[in-house]
Amino acid sequence: MIECISHITFIVNDLEKTTLLFKELFDAKEVYYSGEKKHSLYKERFFVIGGQWIAVMEDINILNRTYHHVAFKISEYDLDSYLNKIRTLNLELKPQRKRVQGEGFSIYFYDYDNNLFELHTETLEKRLALYKSSAVALNLTV
C-alpha cells in the first residue's frame, strides 16, 4: 500500500547554484550534504520544502525540457513575491496555459537545469469540484 510520496529527486549540473536557488526561492531547509562522498549515484543534498523531502543530485547528463514538473501550493497573496524572486534569480518564466475559470493561478518556470516547477494557488479538491460542475454543465459524466 502506498503511504505517501517519499521524496522527489532532481538532477542538476551545479549543486551549489541549485542550493542557493532552493534556499532563496523555496525557503528550503538543507538537511544533508554528501560533500565529495557518493553514498548514492552522485554528490547530493537533501532539502525539506513545505514538509516534503527533496533530493538534488549533481550530474552533467541533463535531459531536455518537458512538461514533467513539481508543483508547490502557494497562497494567491504570495504570487507577486514569488514572481519577483524568480525574476531576481534570472529564471525563465514559461507562458501561462489556458485554464478553466476558477481553477487557480500558476507560475511555471525552469531552473538552471531545465527542471520545470509550478507554484499553484489552488487545491485538488477545488479543481475536482470545478471540473465536476463543468462536466455536468456539458452533460458529461464524472
C-alpha atoms as a PDB file:
ATOM      1  CA  MET A   1       0.000   0.000   0.000  1.00  0.00           C
ATOM      2  CA  ILE A   2       1.349   3.429  -0.952  1.00  0.00           C
ATOM      3  CA  GLU A   3       1.518   5.684   2.105  1.00  0.00           C
ATOM      4  CA  CYS A   4       2.723   8.930   0.547  1.00  0.00           C
ATOM      5  CA  ILE A   5       5.412  10.390  -1.689  1.00  0.00           C
ATOM      6  CA  SER A   6       8.741   9.567  -0.087  1.00  0.00           C
ATOM      7  CA  HIS A   7      10.869  12.107  -1.938  1.00  0.00           C
ATOM      8  CA  ILE A   8      11.383  13.897  -5.245  1.00  0.00           C
ATOM      9  CA  THR A   9      14.819  13.907  -6.902  1.00  0.00           C
ATOM     10  CA  PHE A  10      16.237  16.444  -9.338  1.00  0.00           C
ATOM     11  CA  ILE A  11      19.436  16.003 -11.334  1.00  0.00           C
ATOM     12  CA  VAL A  12      21.341  19.262 -11.794  1.00  0.00           C
ATOM     13  CA  ASN A  13      24.628  20.458 -13.323  1.00  0.00           C
ATOM     14  CA  ASP A  14      25.665  22.711 -10.441  1.00  0.00           C
ATOM     15  CA  LEU A  15      24.705  21.606  -6.938  1.00  0.00           C
ATOM     16  CA  GLU A  16      25.859  24.866  -5.331  1.00  0.00           C
ATOM     17  CA  LYS A  17      23.851  27.060  -7.694  1.00  0.00           C
ATOM     18  CA  THR A  18      20.714  24.951  -7.203  1.00  0.00           C
ATOM     19  CA  THR A  19      21.210  25.009  -3.426  1.00  0.00           C
ATOM     20  CA  LEU A  20      21.128  28.819  -3.493  1.00  0.00           C
ATOM     21  CA  LEU A  21      18.066  28.749  -5.743  1.00  0.00           C
ATOM     22  CA  PHE A  22      16.161  26.354  -3.462  1.00  0.00           C
ATOM     23  CA  LYS A  23      17.033  28.344  -0.356  1.00  0.00           C
ATOM     24  CA  GLU A  24      16.230  31.759  -1.905  1.00  0.00           C
ATOM     25  CA  LEU A  25      13.083  30.838  -3.817  1.00  0.00           C
ATOM     26  CA  PHE A  26      11.527  28.000  -1.823  1.00  0.00           C
ATOM     27  CA  ASP A  27      12.942  28.816   1.624  1.00  0.00           C
ATOM     28  CA  ALA A  28      14.272  25.245   1.603  1.00  0.00           C
ATOM     29  CA  LYS A  29      15.826  23.824   4.737  1.00  0.00           C
ATOM     30  CA  GLU A  30      19.002  21.904   3.898  1.00  0.00           C
ATOM     31  CA  VAL A  31      19.174  18.743   6.000  1.00  0.00           C
ATOM     32  CA  TYR A  32      22.007  16.789   4.341  1.00  0.00           C
ATOM     33  CA  TYR A  33      25.044  17.324   2.138  1.00  0.00           C
ATOM     34  CA  SER A  34      27.204  14.409   0.970  1.00  0.00           C
ATOM     35  CA  GLY A  35      30.258  16.547   0.274  1.00  0.00           C
ATOM     36  CA  GLU A  36      32.513  14.636  -2.094  1.00  0.00           C
ATOM     37  CA  LYS A  37      31.187  11.289  -0.813  1.00  0.00           C
ATOM     38  CA  LYS A  38      28.814   9.416  -3.073  1.00  0.00           C
ATOM     39  CA  HIS A  39      26.502   7.310  -0.945  1.00  0.00           C
ATOM     40  CA  SER A  40      24.180   7.184  -3.931  1.00  0.00           C
ATOM     41  CA  LEU A  41      24.972   7.679  -7.629  1.00  0.00           C
ATOM     42  CA  TYR A  42      26.195  11.269  -7.321  1.00  0.00           C
ATOM     43  CA  LYS A  43      27.089  14.038  -4.932  1.00  0.00           C
ATOM     44  CA  GLU A  44      23.805  15.133  -3.328  1.00  0.00           C
ATOM     45  CA  ARG A  45      21.939  17.439  -0.972  1.00  0.00           C
ATOM     46  CA  PHE A  46      18.617  16.864   0.763  1.00  0.00           C
ATOM     47  CA  PHE A  47      16.139  19.621   1.482  1.00  0.00           C
ATOM     48  CA  VAL A  48      12.751  19.928   3.106  1.00  0.00           C
ATOM     49  CA  ILE A  49      10.310  22.201   1.284  1.00  0.00           C
ATOM     50  CA  GLY A  50       6.804  22.517   2.659  1.00  0.00           C
ATOM     51  CA  GLY A  51       7.279  19.301   4.625  1.00  0.00           C
ATOM     52  CA  GLN A  52       8.409  17.383   1.505  1.00  0.00           C
ATOM     53  CA  TRP A  53      11.800  15.695   1.176  1.00  0.00           C
ATOM     54  CA  ILE A  54      13.552  16.916  -1.977  1.00  0.00           C
ATOM     55  CA  ALA A  55      16.817  15.327  -3.123  1.00  0.00           C
ATOM     56  CA  VAL A  56      19.151  17.118  -5.536  1.00  0.00           C
ATOM     57  CA  MET A  57      21.990  15.230  -7.232  1.00  0.00           C
ATOM     58  CA  GLU A  58      24.780  16.623  -9.383  1.00  0.00           C
ATOM     59  CA  ASP A  59      25.397  15.088 -12.817  1.00  0.00           C
ATOM     60  CA  ILE A  60      26.310  16.557 -16.192  1.00  0.00           C
ATOM     61  CA  ASN A  61      23.698  14.471 -18.060  1.00  0.00           C
ATOM     62  CA  ILE A  62      20.645  16.731 -18.093  1.00  0.00           C
ATOM     63  CA  LEU A  63      17.559  15.912 -20.146  1.00  0.00           C
ATOM     64  CA  ASN A  64      15.773  18.342 -22.439  1.00  0.00           C
ATOM     65  CA  ARG A  65      12.794  20.315 -21.245  1.00  0.00           C
ATOM     66  CA  THR A  66       9.453  18.560 -20.845  1.00  0.00           C
ATOM     67  CA  TYR A  67       6.197  19.256 -19.034  1.00  0.00           C
ATOM     68  CA  HIS A  68       7.248  16.926 -16.198  1.00  0.00           C
ATOM     69  CA  HIS A  69       7.183  19.153 -13.157  1.00  0.00           C
ATOM     70  CA  VAL A  70       6.667  19.546  -9.450  1.00  0.00           C
ATOM     71  CA  ALA A  71       4.013  21.968  -8.262  1.00  0.00           C
ATOM     72  CA  PHE A  72       4.132  23.620  -4.867  1.00  0.00           C
ATOM     73  CA  LYS A  73       0.974  25.097  -3.321  1.00  0.00           C
ATOM     74  CA  ILE A  74       1.191  28.801  -2.525  1.00  0.00           C
ATOM     75  CA  SER A  75      -1.248  31.467  -1.432  1.00  0.00           C
ATOM     76  CA  GLU A  76      -2.616  33.808  -4.084  1.00  0.00           C
ATOM     77  CA  TYR A  77      -1.420  36.578  -1.768  1.00  0.00           C
ATOM     78  CA  ASP A  78       2.208  35.473  -2.385  1.00  0.00           C
ATOM     79  CA  LEU A  79       2.124  35.465  -6.219  1.00  0.00           C
ATOM     80  CA  ASP A  80       3.890  38.816  -6.684  1.00  0.00           C
ATOM     81  CA  SER A  81       6.544  37.957  -4.116  1.00  0.00           C
ATOM     82  CA  TYR A  82       7.403  34.715  -5.921  1.00  0.00           C
ATOM     83  CA  LEU A  83       7.371  36.377  -9.336  1.00  0.00           C
ATOM     84  CA  ASN A  84       9.860  38.942  -8.015  1.00  0.00           C
ATOM     85  CA  LYS A  85      12.120  36.198  -6.608  1.00  0.00           C
ATOM     86  CA  ILE A  86      12.019  34.279  -9.898  1.00  0.00           C
ATOM     87  CA  ARG A  87      12.943  37.386 -11.867  1.00  0.00           C
ATOM     88  CA  THR A  88      15.714  38.303  -9.411  1.00  0.00           C
ATOM     89  CA  LEU A  89      17.183  34.817  -9.806  1.00  0.00           C
ATOM     90  CA  ASN A  90      17.063  35.217 -13.618  1.00  0.00           C
ATOM     91  CA  LEU A  91      14.903  32.139 -14.082  1.00  0.00           C
ATOM     92  CA  GLU A  92      12.891  31.669 -17.246  1.00  0.00           C
ATOM     93  CA  LEU A  93       9.139  32.021 -16.828  1.00  0.00           C
ATOM     94  CA  LYS A  94       7.034  29.755 -19.014  1.00  0.00           C
ATOM     95  CA  PRO A  95       3.925  31.293 -20.637  1.00  0.00           C
ATOM     96  CA  GLN A  96       0.623  30.589 -18.910  1.00  0.00           C
ATOM     97  CA  ARG A  97      -1.551  27.793 -20.241  1.00  0.00           C
ATOM     98  CA  LYS A  98      -5.285  28.067 -20.856  1.00  0.00           C
ATOM     99  CA  ARG A  99      -7.256  27.425 -17.683  1.00  0.00           C
ATOM    100  CA  VAL A 100     -10.812  26.755 -16.657  1.00  0.00           C
ATOM    101  CA  GLN A 101     -12.114  29.823 -14.809  1.00  0.00           C
ATOM    102  CA  GLY A 102     -11.738  29.349 -11.053  1.00  0.00           C
ATOM    103  CA  GLU A 103      -9.003  26.720 -11.381  1.00  0.00           C
ATOM    104  CA  GLY A 104      -6.458  28.937  -9.656  1.00  0.00           C
ATOM    105  CA  PHE A 105      -3.321  30.625 -10.881  1.00  0.00           C
ATOM    106  CA  SER A 106       0.053  29.072 -11.653  1.00  0.00           C
ATOM    107  CA  ILE A 107       3.551  30.351 -12.203  1.00  0.00           C
ATOM    108  CA  TYR A 108       5.631  27.985 -14.341  1.00  0.00           C
ATOM    109  CA  PHE A 109       9.401  28.407 -14.517  1.00  0.00           C
ATOM    110  CA  TYR A 110      12.565  26.498 -15.350  1.00  0.00           C
ATOM    111  CA  ASP A 111      15.503  26.248 -13.011  1.00  0.00           C
ATOM    112  CA  TYR A 112      19.090  26.409 -14.261  1.00  0.00           C
ATOM    113  CA  ASP A 113      18.966  22.747 -15.376  1.00  0.00           C
ATOM    114  CA  ASN A 114      15.673  22.730 -17.308  1.00  0.00           C
ATOM    115  CA  ASN A 115      13.635  21.317 -14.416  1.00  0.00           C
ATOM    116  CA  LEU A 116      10.118  22.732 -14.619  1.00  0.00           C
ATOM    117  CA  PHE A 117       8.447  23.978 -11.447  1.00  0.00           C
ATOM    118  CA  GLU A 118       4.951  25.269 -10.832  1.00  0.00           C
ATOM    119  CA  LEU A 119       3.693  27.436  -7.989  1.00  0.00           C
ATOM    120  CA  HIS A 120      -0.081  26.918  -7.826  1.00  0.00           C
ATOM    121  CA  THR A 121      -2.738  28.693  -5.774  1.00  0.00           C
ATOM    122  CA  GLU A 122      -5.473  26.059  -5.547  1.00  0.00           C
ATOM    123  CA  THR A 123      -6.104  22.548  -4.245  1.00  0.00           C
ATOM    124  CA  LEU A 124      -7.003  19.210  -5.773  1.00  0.00           C
ATOM    125  CA  GLU A 125     -10.395  19.297  -4.054  1.00  0.00           C
ATOM    126  CA  LYS A 126     -11.325  22.631  -5.609  1.00  0.00           C
ATOM    127  CA  ARG A 127     -10.161  21.534  -9.055  1.00  0.00           C
ATOM    128  CA  LEU A 128     -12.175  18.305  -8.925  1.00  0.00           C
ATOM    129  CA  ALA A 129     -15.285  20.198  -7.825  1.00  0.00           C
ATOM    130  CA  LEU A 130     -14.775  22.707 -10.620  1.00  0.00           C
ATOM    131  CA  TYR A 131     -14.258  20.013 -13.250  1.00  0.00           C
ATOM    132  CA  LYS A 132     -17.306  18.129 -11.978  1.00  0.00           C
ATOM    133  CA  SER A 133     -19.502  21.224 -12.272  1.00  0.00           C
ATOM    134  CA  SER A 134     -18.091  21.855 -15.758  1.00  0.00           C
ATOM    135  CA  ALA A 135     -18.789  18.249 -16.772  1.00  0.00           C
ATOM    136  CA  VAL A 136     -22.386  18.486 -15.520  1.00  0.00           C
ATOM    137  CA  ALA A 137     -22.854  21.721 -17.429  1.00  0.00           C
ATOM    138  CA  LEU A 138     -21.592  19.958 -20.567  1.00  0.00           C
ATOM    139  CA  ASN A 139     -23.750  16.848 -19.919  1.00  0.00           C
ATOM    140  CA  LEU A 140     -20.713  14.681 -19.275  1.00  0.00           C
ATOM    141  CA  THR A 141     -20.445  12.013 -16.617  1.00  0.00           C
ATOM    142  CA  VAL A 142     -17.763  12.174 -13.991  1.00  0.00           C
END
